[in-house]
Amino acid sequence: MDWLYYSKRKVATCGVIALACLMAWHVMFGANGVLVYAEKRKEQRDLRSQIESLRQQNDLLNQRIKSLKNDPQAIEKEARERLRYARPGEVIYTLPAVNPAVVPTAQKK
């Protein structure tokens, strides 16, 4: 009778240990485990910094829109730079962009 009690106790102890190992594995590597949680936290930090960057860019663009609607100097600057407009009597000279890869080199004789 004594051996039956000890064998049941050993089986129960092994079962509890196996269950504890299974739970520990699930806590670490499961669908909502510690590793997934750490990865999601990093993703959240990256997205927050991206949102802040986009907010700053949006503010700058809104300021530019307001200046283009209300400021004649900003409108003139935009027209001169982007559209190459000139005042009457002005002449605009544009130079081609220099590409260092296309510049010919001196040939040896």
PDB file of N, CA and C in Angstrom:
ATOM      1  N   MET A   1       0.811  -1.187   0.000  1.00  0.00           N
ATOM      2  CA  MET A   1       0.000   0.000   0.000  1.00  0.00           C
ATOM      3  C   MET A   1       0.865   1.265   0.000  1.00  0.00           C
ATOM      4  N   ASP A   2       1.959   1.167   0.703  1.00  0.00           N
ATOM      5  CA  ASP A   2       2.880   2.298   0.812  1.00  0.00           C
ATOM      6  C   ASP A   2       3.484   2.643  -0.549  1.00  0.00           C
ATOM      7  N   TRP A   3       3.831   1.664  -1.333  1.00  0.00           N
ATOM      8  CA  TRP A   3       4.434   1.915  -2.641  1.00  0.00           C
ATOM      9  C   TRP A   3       3.439   2.562  -3.599  1.00  0.00           C
ATOM     10  N   LEU A   4       2.140   2.246  -3.450  1.00  0.00           N
ATOM     11  CA  LEU A   4       1.116   2.857  -4.287  1.00  0.00           C
ATOM     12  C   LEU A   4       0.998   4.355  -3.991  1.00  0.00           C
ATOM     13  N   TYR A   5       1.079   4.714  -2.721  1.00  0.00           N
ATOM     14  CA  TYR A   5       1.013   6.118  -2.319  1.00  0.00           C
ATOM     15  C   TYR A   5       2.200   6.894  -2.885  1.00  0.00           C
ATOM     16  N   TYR A   6       3.394   6.336  -2.777  1.00  0.00           N
ATOM     17  CA  TYR A   6       4.596   7.017  -3.288  1.00  0.00           C
ATOM     18  C   TYR A   6       4.603   7.115  -4.807  1.00  0.00           C
ATOM     19  N   SER A   7       4.113   6.088  -5.477  1.00  0.00           N
ATOM     20  CA  SER A   7       4.083   6.152  -6.943  1.00  0.00           C
ATOM     21  C   SER A   7       3.071   7.204  -7.423  1.00  0.00           C
ATOM     22  N   LYS A   8       1.920   7.307  -6.748  1.00  0.00           N
ATOM     23  CA  LYS A   8       0.950   8.347  -7.093  1.00  0.00           C
ATOM     24  C   LYS A   8       1.533   9.728  -6.819  1.00  0.00           C
ATOM     25  N   ARG A   9       2.262   9.829  -5.745  1.00  0.00           N
ATOM     26  CA  ARG A   9       2.877  11.104  -5.390  1.00  0.00           C
ATOM     27  C   ARG A   9       3.929  11.514  -6.425  1.00  0.00           C
ATOM     28  N   LYS A  10       4.729  10.558  -6.888  1.00  0.00           N
ATOM     29  CA  LYS A  10       5.741  10.847  -7.910  1.00  0.00           C
ATOM     30  C   LYS A  10       5.079  11.251  -9.225  1.00  0.00           C
ATOM     31  N   VAL A  11       4.031  10.562  -9.615  1.00  0.00           N
ATOM     32  CA  VAL A  11       3.325  10.887 -10.845  1.00  0.00           C
ATOM     33  C   VAL A  11       2.717  12.291 -10.739  1.00  0.00           C
ATOM     34  N   ALA A  12       2.131  12.616  -9.599  1.00  0.00           N
ATOM     35  CA  ALA A  12       1.533  13.932  -9.400  1.00  0.00           C
ATOM     36  C   ALA A  12       2.609  15.018  -9.417  1.00  0.00           C
ATOM     37  N   THR A  13       3.747  14.753  -8.789  1.00  0.00           N
ATOM     38  CA  THR A  13       4.840  15.717  -8.785  1.00  0.00           C
ATOM     39  C   THR A  13       5.363  15.942 -10.201  1.00  0.00           C
ATOM     40  N   CYS A  14       5.541  14.894 -10.964  1.00  0.00           N
ATOM     41  CA  CYS A  14       5.995  15.021 -12.360  1.00  0.00           C
ATOM     42  C   CYS A  14       4.957  15.775 -13.181  1.00  0.00           C
ATOM     43  N   GLY A  15       3.697  15.540 -12.948  1.00  0.00           N
ATOM     44  CA  GLY A  15       2.637  16.256 -13.663  1.00  0.00           C
ATOM     45  C   GLY A  15       2.657  17.748 -13.347  1.00  0.00           C
ATOM     46  N   VAL A  16       2.845  18.086 -12.073  1.00  0.00           N
ATOM     47  CA  VAL A  16       2.898  19.495 -11.676  1.00  0.00           C
ATOM     48  C   VAL A  16       4.121  20.171 -12.290  1.00  0.00           C
ATOM     49  N   ILE A  17       5.254  19.483 -12.285  1.00  0.00           N
ATOM     50  CA  ILE A  17       6.472  20.044 -12.882  1.00  0.00           C
ATOM     51  C   ILE A  17       6.281  20.248 -14.383  1.00  0.00           C
ATOM     52  N   ALA A  18       5.687  19.272 -15.064  1.00  0.00           N
ATOM     53  CA  ALA A  18       5.441  19.400 -16.504  1.00  0.00           C
ATOM     54  C   ALA A  18       4.480  20.556 -16.783  1.00  0.00           C
ATOM     55  N   LEU A  19       3.444  20.697 -15.966  1.00  0.00           N
ATOM     56  CA  LEU A  19       2.501  21.788 -16.132  1.00  0.00           C
ATOM     57  C   LEU A  19       3.179  23.142 -15.902  1.00  0.00           C
ATOM     58  N   ALA A  20       4.043  23.216 -14.898  1.00  0.00           N
ATOM     59  CA  ALA A  20       4.774  24.460 -14.618  1.00  0.00           C
ATOM     60  C   ALA A  20       5.709  24.801 -15.773  1.00  0.00           C
ATOM     61  N   CYS A  21       6.380  23.816 -16.343  1.00  0.00           N
ATOM     62  CA  CYS A  21       7.260  24.056 -17.490  1.00  0.00           C
ATOM     63  C   CYS A  21       6.456  24.521 -18.702  1.00  0.00           C
ATOM     64  N   LEU A  22       5.318  23.908 -18.920  1.00  0.00           N
ATOM     65  CA  LEU A  22       4.469  24.303 -20.034  1.00  0.00           C
ATOM     66  C   LEU A  22       3.975  25.742 -19.863  1.00  0.00           C
ATOM     67  N   MET A  23       3.584  26.098 -18.666  1.00  0.00           N
ATOM     68  CA  MET A  23       3.128  27.464 -18.400  1.00  0.00           C
ATOM     69  C   MET A  23       4.264  28.470 -18.563  1.00  0.00           C
ATOM     70  N   ALA A  24       5.466  28.117 -18.103  1.00  0.00           N
ATOM     71  CA  ALA A  24       6.618  29.007 -18.252  1.00  0.00           C
ATOM     72  C   ALA A  24       6.950  29.207 -19.722  1.00  0.00           C
ATOM     73  N   TRP A  25       6.897  28.147 -20.500  1.00  0.00           N
ATOM     74  CA  TRP A  25       7.150  28.271 -21.934  1.00  0.00           C
ATOM     75  C   TRP A  25       6.113  29.185 -22.586  1.00  0.00           C
ATOM     76  N   HIS A  26       4.847  29.012 -22.209  1.00  0.00           N
ATOM     77  CA  HIS A  26       3.781  29.836 -22.779  1.00  0.00           C
ATOM     78  C   HIS A  26       3.939  31.303 -22.381  1.00  0.00           C
ATOM     79  N   VAL A  27       4.356  31.564 -21.162  1.00  0.00           N
ATOM     80  CA  VAL A  27       4.558  32.948 -20.721  1.00  0.00           C
ATOM     81  C   VAL A  27       5.682  33.607 -21.516  1.00  0.00           C
ATOM     82  N   MET A  28       6.718  32.885 -21.836  1.00  0.00           N
ATOM     83  CA  MET A  28       7.846  33.457 -22.565  1.00  0.00           C
ATOM     84  C   MET A  28       7.598  33.532 -24.073  1.00  0.00           C
ATOM     85  N   PHE A  29       7.131  32.450 -24.665  1.00  0.00           N
ATOM     86  CA  PHE A  29       7.091  32.335 -26.124  1.00  0.00           C
ATOM     87  C   PHE A  29       5.687  32.273 -26.710  1.00  0.00           C
ATOM     88  N   GLY A  30       4.652  32.355 -25.904  1.00  0.00           N
ATOM     89  CA  GLY A  30       3.273  32.251 -26.381  1.00  0.00           C
ATOM     90  C   GLY A  30       2.850  33.452 -27.207  1.00  0.00           C
ATOM     91  N   ALA A  31       1.586  33.432 -27.630  1.00  0.00           N
ATOM     92  CA  ALA A  31       1.060  34.495 -28.487  1.00  0.00           C
ATOM     93  C   ALA A  31       1.115  35.854 -27.796  1.00  0.00           C
ATOM     94  N   ASN A  32       0.936  35.906 -26.516  1.00  0.00           N
ATOM     95  CA  ASN A  32       1.019  37.149 -25.756  1.00  0.00           C
ATOM     96  C   ASN A  32       2.150  37.077 -24.735  1.00  0.00           C
ATOM     97  N   GLY A  33       3.227  36.441 -25.091  1.00  0.00           N
ATOM     98  CA  GLY A  33       4.341  36.243 -24.174  1.00  0.00           C
ATOM     99  C   GLY A  33       5.217  37.472 -24.014  1.00  0.00           C
ATOM    100  N   VAL A  34       6.232  37.302 -23.209  1.00  0.00           N
ATOM    101  CA  VAL A  34       7.143  38.390 -22.878  1.00  0.00           C
ATOM    102  C   VAL A  34       7.895  38.871 -24.116  1.00  0.00           C
ATOM    103  N   LEU A  35       8.319  37.974 -24.964  1.00  0.00           N
ATOM    104  CA  LEU A  35       9.057  38.368 -26.159  1.00  0.00           C
ATOM    105  C   LEU A  35       8.176  39.162 -27.127  1.00  0.00           C
ATOM    106  N   VAL A  36       6.949  38.745 -27.301  1.00  0.00           N
ATOM    107  CA  VAL A  36       6.021  39.463 -28.176  1.00  0.00           C
ATOM    108  C   VAL A  36       5.719  40.829 -27.574  1.00  0.00           C
ATOM    109  N   TYR A  37       5.572  40.879 -26.253  1.00  0.00           N
ATOM    110  CA  TYR A  37       5.291  42.147 -25.568  1.00  0.00           C
ATOM    111  C   TYR A  37       6.437  43.139 -25.774  1.00  0.00           C
ATOM    112  N   ALA A  38       7.661  42.684 -25.644  1.00  0.00           N
ATOM    113  CA  ALA A  38       8.822  43.562 -25.843  1.00  0.00           C
ATOM    114  C   ALA A  38       8.874  44.069 -27.282  1.00  0.00           C
ATOM    115  N   GLU A  39       8.572  43.213 -28.225  1.00  0.00           N
ATOM    116  CA  GLU A  39       8.567  43.613 -29.631  1.00  0.00           C
ATOM    117  C   GLU A  39       7.483  44.655 -29.897  1.00  0.00           C
ATOM    118  N   LYS A  40       6.314  44.464 -29.319  1.00  0.00           N
ATOM    119  CA  LYS A  40       5.224  45.428 -29.498  1.00  0.00           C
ATOM    120  C   LYS A  40       5.555  46.768 -28.848  1.00  0.00           C
ATOM    121  N   ARG A  41       6.227  46.770 -27.723  1.00  0.00           N
ATOM    122  CA  ARG A  41       6.634  48.019 -27.082  1.00  0.00           C
ATOM    123  C   ARG A  41       7.613  48.787 -27.970  1.00  0.00           C
ATOM    124  N   LYS A  42       8.556  48.092 -28.587  1.00  0.00           N
ATOM    125  CA  LYS A  42       9.509  48.738 -29.503  1.00  0.00           C
ATOM    126  C   LYS A  42       8.766  49.316 -30.703  1.00  0.00           C
ATOM    127  N   GLU A  43       7.832  48.563 -31.238  1.00  0.00           N
ATOM    128  CA  GLU A  43       7.043  49.037 -32.374  1.00  0.00           C
ATOM    129  C   GLU A  43       6.236  50.281 -31.983  1.00  0.00           C
ATOM    130  N   GLN A  44       5.704  50.302 -30.767  1.00  0.00           N
ATOM    131  CA  GLN A  44       4.947  51.450 -30.287  1.00  0.00           C
ATOM    132  C   GLN A  44       5.835  52.694 -30.190  1.00  0.00           C
ATOM    133  N   ARG A  45       7.048  52.533 -29.665  1.00  0.00           N
ATOM    134  CA  ARG A  45       7.978  53.673 -29.577  1.00  0.00           C
ATOM    135  C   ARG A  45       8.328  54.206 -30.962  1.00  0.00           C
ATOM    136  N   ASP A  46       8.572  53.297 -31.906  1.00  0.00           N
ATOM    137  CA  ASP A  46       8.903  53.712 -33.271  1.00  0.00           C
ATOM    138  C   ASP A  46       7.738  54.469 -33.913  1.00  0.00           C
ATOM    139  N   LEU A  47       6.525  53.969 -33.712  1.00  0.00           N
ATOM    140  CA  LEU A  47       5.363  54.625 -34.298  1.00  0.00           C
ATOM    141  C   LEU A  47       5.106  55.990 -33.664  1.00  0.00           C
ATOM    142  N   ARG A  48       5.338  56.106 -32.361  1.00  0.00           N
ATOM    143  CA  ARG A  48       5.154  57.401 -31.697  1.00  0.00           C
ATOM    144  C   ARG A  48       6.148  58.429 -32.238  1.00  0.00           C
ATOM    145  N   SER A  49       7.392  58.023 -32.431  1.00  0.00           N
ATOM    146  CA  SER A  49       8.378  58.969 -32.982  1.00  0.00           C
ATOM    147  C   SER A  49       8.032  59.332 -34.423  1.00  0.00           C
ATOM    148  N   GLN A  50       7.521  58.387 -35.187  1.00  0.00           N
ATOM    149  CA  GLN A  50       7.108  58.664 -36.562  1.00  0.00           C
ATOM    150  C   GLN A  50       5.924  59.634 -36.570  1.00  0.00           C
ATOM    151  N   ILE A  51       4.983  59.444 -35.655  1.00  0.00           N
ATOM    152  CA  ILE A  51       3.830  60.350 -35.561  1.00  0.00           C
ATOM    153  C   ILE A  51       4.289  61.754 -35.222  1.00  0.00           C
ATOM    154  N   GLU A  52       5.216  61.883 -34.281  1.00  0.00           N
ATOM    155  CA  GLU A  52       5.712  63.207 -33.898  1.00  0.00           C
ATOM    156  C   GLU A  52       6.417  63.889 -35.067  1.00  0.00           C
ATOM    157  N   SER A  53       7.198  63.132 -35.806  1.00  0.00           N
ATOM    158  CA  SER A  53       7.882  63.678 -36.979  1.00  0.00           C
ATOM    159  C   SER A  53       6.875  64.154 -38.023  1.00  0.00           C
ATOM    160  N   LEU A  54       5.840  63.372 -38.251  1.00  0.00           N
ATOM    161  CA  LEU A  54       4.823  63.758 -39.224  1.00  0.00           C
ATOM    162  C   LEU A  54       4.023  64.965 -38.754  1.00  0.00           C
ATOM    163  N   ARG A  55       3.798  65.082 -37.451  1.00  0.00           N
ATOM    164  CA  ARG A  55       3.117  66.269 -36.919  1.00  0.00           C
ATOM    165  C   ARG A  55       3.941  67.532 -37.166  1.00  0.00           C
ATOM    166  N   GLN A  56       5.242  67.443 -36.923  1.00  0.00           N
ATOM    167  CA  GLN A  56       6.106  68.593 -37.159  1.00  0.00           C
ATOM    168  C   GLN A  56       6.109  68.974 -38.640  1.00  0.00           C
ATOM    169  N   GLN A  57       6.196  67.981 -39.491  1.00  0.00           N
ATOM    170  CA  GLN A  57       6.176  68.233 -40.933  1.00  0.00           C
ATOM    171  C   GLN A  57       4.841  68.857 -41.339  1.00  0.00           C
ATOM    172  N   ASN A  58       3.750  68.379 -40.764  1.00  0.00           N
ATOM    173  CA  ASN A  58       2.428  68.914 -41.056  1.00  0.00           C
ATOM    174  C   ASN A  58       2.314  70.375 -40.611  1.00  0.00           C
ATOM    175  N   ASP A  59       2.866  70.692 -39.445  1.00  0.00           N
ATOM    176  CA  ASP A  59       2.855  72.078 -38.965  1.00  0.00           C
ATOM    177  C   ASP A  59       3.627  72.998 -39.915  1.00  0.00           C
ATOM    178  N   LEU A  60       4.795  72.543 -40.358  1.00  0.00           N
ATOM    179  CA  LEU A  60       5.576  73.344 -41.307  1.00  0.00           C
ATOM    180  C   LEU A  60       4.823  73.571 -42.615  1.00  0.00           C
ATOM    181  N   LEU A  61       4.171  72.540 -43.103  1.00  0.00           N
ATOM    182  CA  LEU A  61       3.417  72.681 -44.346  1.00  0.00           C
ATOM    183  C   LEU A  61       2.216  73.604 -44.159  1.00  0.00           C
ATOM    184  N   ASN A  62       1.564  73.535 -43.003  1.00  0.00           N
ATOM    185  CA  ASN A  62       0.447  74.448 -42.737  1.00  0.00           C
ATOM    186  C   ASN A  62       0.918  75.894 -42.664  1.00  0.00           C
ATOM    187  N   GLN A  63       2.077  76.112 -42.077  1.00  0.00           N
ATOM    188  CA  GLN A  63       2.636  77.466 -42.033  1.00  0.00           C
ATOM    189  C   GLN A  63       2.946  77.963 -43.445  1.00  0.00           C
ATOM    190  N   ARG A  64       3.469  77.100 -44.267  1.00  0.00           N
ATOM    191  CA  ARG A  64       3.790  77.473 -45.644  1.00  0.00           C
ATOM    192  C   ARG A  64       2.517  77.805 -46.427  1.00  0.00           C
ATOM    193  N   ILE A  65       1.467  77.039 -46.199  1.00  0.00           N
ATOM    194  CA  ILE A  65       0.188  77.293 -46.870  1.00  0.00           C
ATOM    195  C   ILE A  65      -0.353  78.661 -46.456  1.00  0.00           C
ATOM    196  N   LYS A  66      -0.299  78.937 -45.155  1.00  0.00           N
ATOM    197  CA  LYS A  66      -0.785  80.238 -44.677  1.00  0.00           C
ATOM    198  C   LYS A  66       0.020  81.387 -45.279  1.00  0.00           C
ATOM    199  N   SER A  67       1.330  81.213 -45.345  1.00  0.00           N
ATOM    200  CA  SER A  67       2.150  82.289 -45.913  1.00  0.00           C
ATOM    201  C   SER A  67       1.885  82.465 -47.406  1.00  0.00           C
ATOM    202  N   LEU A  68       1.632  81.374 -48.112  1.00  0.00           N
ATOM    203  CA  LEU A  68       1.340  81.490 -49.544  1.00  0.00           C
ATOM    204  C   LEU A  68      -0.041  82.108 -49.787  1.00  0.00           C
ATOM    205  N   LYS A  69      -0.944  81.959 -48.840  1.00  0.00           N
ATOM    206  CA  LYS A  69      -2.268  82.568 -48.995  1.00  0.00           C
ATOM    207  C   LYS A  69      -2.247  84.054 -48.670  1.00  0.00           C
ATOM    208  N   ASN A  70      -1.391  84.470 -47.723  1.00  0.00           N
ATOM    209  CA  ASN A  70      -1.477  85.831 -47.194  1.00  0.00           C
ATOM    210  C   ASN A  70      -0.269  86.720 -47.491  1.00  0.00           C
ATOM    211  N   ASP A  71       0.897  86.149 -47.696  1.00  0.00           N
ATOM    212  CA  ASP A  71       2.121  86.936 -47.802  1.00  0.00           C
ATOM    213  C   ASP A  71       2.529  87.101 -49.267  1.00  0.00           C
ATOM    214  N   PRO A  72       2.479  88.322 -49.797  1.00  0.00           N
ATOM    215  CA  PRO A  72       2.855  88.531 -51.205  1.00  0.00           C
ATOM    216  C   PRO A  72       4.322  88.194 -51.478  1.00  0.00           C
ATOM    217  N   GLN A  73       5.189  88.410 -50.520  1.00  0.00           N
ATOM    218  CA  GLN A  73       6.613  88.086 -50.730  1.00  0.00           C
ATOM    219  C   GLN A  73       6.813  86.579 -50.868  1.00  0.00           C
ATOM    220  N   ALA A  74       6.077  85.799 -50.095  1.00  0.00           N
ATOM    221  CA  ALA A  74       6.190  84.341 -50.209  1.00  0.00           C
ATOM    222  C   ALA A  74       5.665  83.870 -51.556  1.00  0.00           C
ATOM    223  N   ILE A  75       4.601  84.489 -52.018  1.00  0.00           N
ATOM    224  CA  ILE A  75       4.047  84.121 -53.323  1.00  0.00           C
ATOM    225  C   ILE A  75       5.040  84.455 -54.425  1.00  0.00           C
ATOM    226  N   GLU A  76       5.655  85.639 -54.343  1.00  0.00           N
ATOM    227  CA  GLU A  76       6.635  86.034 -55.359  1.00  0.00           C
ATOM    228  C   GLU A  76       7.848  85.106 -55.338  1.00  0.00           C
ATOM    229  N   LYS A  77       8.310  84.769 -54.146  1.00  0.00           N
ATOM    230  CA  LYS A  77       9.471  83.872 -54.032  1.00  0.00           C
ATOM    231  C   LYS A  77       9.164  82.520 -54.664  1.00  0.00           C
ATOM    232  N   GLU A  78       7.992  81.992 -54.383  1.00  0.00           N
ATOM    233  CA  GLU A  78       7.599  80.695 -54.945  1.00  0.00           C
ATOM    234  C   GLU A  78       7.509  80.784 -56.471  1.00  0.00           C
ATOM    235  N   ALA A  79       6.927  81.875 -56.978  1.00  0.00           N
ATOM    236  CA  ALA A  79       6.791  82.024 -58.427  1.00  0.00           C
ATOM    237  C   ALA A  79       8.158  82.144 -59.093  1.00  0.00           C
ATOM    238  N   ARG A  80       9.076  82.850 -58.473  1.00  0.00           N
ATOM    239  CA  ARG A  80      10.413  83.009 -59.071  1.00  0.00           C
ATOM    240  C   ARG A  80      11.203  81.703 -59.043  1.00  0.00           C
ATOM    241  N   GLU A  81      11.149  80.989 -57.925  1.00  0.00           N
ATOM    242  CA  GLU A  81      11.965  79.774 -57.791  1.00  0.00           C
ATOM    243  C   GLU A  81      11.396  78.589 -58.549  1.00  0.00           C
ATOM    244  N   ARG A  82      10.108  78.353 -58.413  1.00  0.00           N
ATOM    245  CA  ARG A  82       9.537  77.159 -59.021  1.00  0.00           C
ATOM    246  C   ARG A  82       9.102  77.372 -60.468  1.00  0.00           C
ATOM    247  N   LEU A  83       8.485  78.502 -60.724  1.00  0.00           N
ATOM    248  CA  LEU A  83       7.916  78.720 -62.049  1.00  0.00           C
ATOM    249  C   LEU A  83       8.812  79.547 -62.961  1.00  0.00           C
ATOM    250  N   ARG A  84       9.918  80.040 -62.426  1.00  0.00           N
ATOM    251  CA  ARG A  84      10.891  80.832 -63.176  1.00  0.00           C
ATOM    252  C   ARG A  84      10.275  82.115 -63.747  1.00  0.00           C
ATOM    253  N   TYR A  85       9.360  82.691 -63.003  1.00  0.00           N
ATOM    254  CA  TYR A  85       8.768  83.959 -63.421  1.00  0.00           C
ATOM    255  C   TYR A  85       9.753  85.086 -63.183  1.00  0.00           C
ATOM    256  N   ALA A  86       9.614  86.139 -63.983  1.00  0.00           N
ATOM    257  CA  ALA A  86      10.474  87.311 -63.846  1.00  0.00           C
ATOM    258  C   ALA A  86       9.617  88.565 -63.942  1.00  0.00           C
ATOM    259  N   ARG A  87      10.111  89.605 -63.366  1.00  0.00           N
ATOM    260  CA  ARG A  87       9.451  90.906 -63.492  1.00  0.00           C
ATOM    261  C   ARG A  87       9.731  91.452 -64.891  1.00  0.00           C
ATOM    262  N   PRO A  88       8.917  92.386 -65.325  1.00  0.00           N
ATOM    263  CA  PRO A  88       9.162  92.987 -66.643  1.00  0.00           C
ATOM    264  C   PRO A  88      10.535  93.654 -66.678  1.00  0.00           C
ATOM    265  N   GLY A  89      11.302  93.361 -67.692  1.00  0.00           N
ATOM    266  CA  GLY A  89      12.631  93.928 -67.846  1.00  0.00           C
ATOM    267  C   GLY A  89      13.733  93.060 -67.259  1.00  0.00           C
ATOM    268  N   GLU A  90      13.385  92.039 -66.507  1.00  0.00           N
ATOM    269  CA  GLU A  90      14.412  91.149 -65.934  1.00  0.00           C
ATOM    270  C   GLU A  90      14.715  90.022 -66.908  1.00  0.00           C
ATOM    271  N   VAL A  91      15.946  89.550 -66.849  1.00  0.00           N
ATOM    272  CA  VAL A  91      16.355  88.411 -67.658  1.00  0.00           C
ATOM    273  C   VAL A  91      16.845  87.328 -66.695  1.00  0.00           C
ATOM    274  N   ILE A  92      16.377  86.127 -66.891  1.00  0.00           N
ATOM    275  CA  ILE A  92      16.775  85.011 -66.029  1.00  0.00           C
ATOM    276  C   ILE A  92      17.729  84.117 -66.801  1.00  0.00           C
ATOM    277  N   TYR A  93      18.860  83.859 -66.204  1.00  0.00           N
ATOM    278  CA  TYR A  93      19.850  82.956 -66.787  1.00  0.00           C
ATOM    279  C   TYR A  93      19.839  81.664 -65.980  1.00  0.00           C
ATOM    280  N   THR A  94      19.738  80.555 -66.642  1.00  0.00           N
ATOM    281  CA  THR A  94      19.821  79.254 -65.975  1.00  0.00           C
ATOM    282  C   THR A  94      20.999  78.498 -66.553  1.00  0.00           C
ATOM    283  N   LEU A  95      21.747  77.905 -65.676  1.00  0.00           N
ATOM    284  CA  LEU A  95      22.916  77.130 -66.086  1.00  0.00           C
ATOM    285  C   LEU A  95      22.601  75.656 -65.944  1.00  0.00           C
ATOM    286  N   PRO A  96      23.113  74.849 -66.848  1.00  0.00           N
ATOM    287  CA  PRO A  96      22.861  73.408 -66.708  1.00  0.00           C
ATOM    288  C   PRO A  96      23.602  72.865 -65.492  1.00  0.00           C
ATOM    289  N   ALA A  97      23.014  71.859 -64.914  1.00  0.00           N
ATOM    290  CA  ALA A  97      23.641  71.221 -63.759  1.00  0.00           C
ATOM    291  C   ALA A  97      24.893  70.486 -64.209  1.00  0.00           C
ATOM    292  N   VAL A  98      25.951  70.623 -63.451  1.00  0.00           N
ATOM    293  CA  VAL A  98      27.214  69.978 -63.791  1.00  0.00           C
ATOM    294  C   VAL A  98      27.194  68.573 -63.210  1.00  0.00           C
ATOM    295  N   ASN A  99      27.401  67.602 -64.077  1.00  0.00           N
ATOM    296  CA  ASN A  99      27.467  66.215 -63.653  1.00  0.00           C
ATOM    297  C   ASN A  99      28.923  65.767 -63.739  1.00  0.00           C
ATOM    298  N   PRO A 100      29.589  65.530 -62.608  1.00  0.00           N
ATOM    299  CA  PRO A 100      31.013  65.204 -62.644  1.00  0.00           C
ATOM    300  C   PRO A 100      31.330  63.915 -63.415  1.00  0.00           C
ATOM    301  N   ALA A 101      30.381  63.015 -63.557  1.00  0.00           N
ATOM    302  CA  ALA A 101      30.648  61.766 -64.266  1.00  0.00           C
ATOM    303  C   ALA A 101      30.700  61.985 -65.775  1.00  0.00           C
ATOM    304  N   VAL A 102      30.120  63.080 -66.270  1.00  0.00           N
ATOM    305  CA  VAL A 102      30.051  63.308 -67.704  1.00  0.00           C
ATOM    306  C   VAL A 102      31.169  64.218 -68.189  1.00  0.00           C
ATOM    307  N   VAL A 103      31.837  64.928 -67.278  1.00  0.00           N
ATOM    308  CA  VAL A 103      32.890  65.866 -67.667  1.00  0.00           C
ATOM    309  C   VAL A 103      34.014  65.093 -68.340  1.00  0.00           C
ATOM    310  N   PRO A 104      34.396  65.493 -69.579  1.00  0.00           N
ATOM    311  CA  PRO A 104      35.462  64.752 -70.285  1.00  0.00           C
ATOM    312  C   PRO A 104      36.818  64.996 -69.614  1.00  0.00           C
ATOM    313  N   THR A 105      37.661  64.007 -69.638  1.00  0.00           N
ATOM    314  CA  THR A 105      39.005  64.118 -69.083  1.00  0.00           C
ATOM    315  C   THR A 105      40.011  64.341 -70.208  1.00  0.00           C
ATOM    316  N   ALA A 106      41.126  64.919 -69.875  1.00  0.00           N
ATOM    317  CA  ALA A 106      42.176  65.179 -70.885  1.00  0.00           C
ATOM    318  C   ALA A 106      42.798  63.851 -71.308  1.00  0.00           C
ATOM    319  N   GLN A 107      42.994  63.713 -72.613  1.00  0.00           N
ATOM    320  CA  GLN A 107      43.585  62.490 -73.131  1.00  0.00           C
ATOM    321  C   GLN A 107      45.090  62.662 -73.254  1.00  0.00           C
ATOM    322  N   LYS A 108      45.815  61.608 -72.973  1.00  0.00           N
ATOM    323  CA  LYS A 108      47.284  61.626 -73.119  1.00  0.00           C
ATOM    324  C   LYS A 108      47.645  61.377 -74.561  1.00  0.00           C
ATOM    325  N   LYS A 109      48.709  62.044 -75.004  1.00  0.00           N
ATOM    326  CA  LYS A 109      49.177  61.869 -76.393  1.00  0.00           C
ATOM    327  C   LYS A 109      50.224  60.828 -76.503  1.00  0.00           C
TER     328      LYS A 109
END
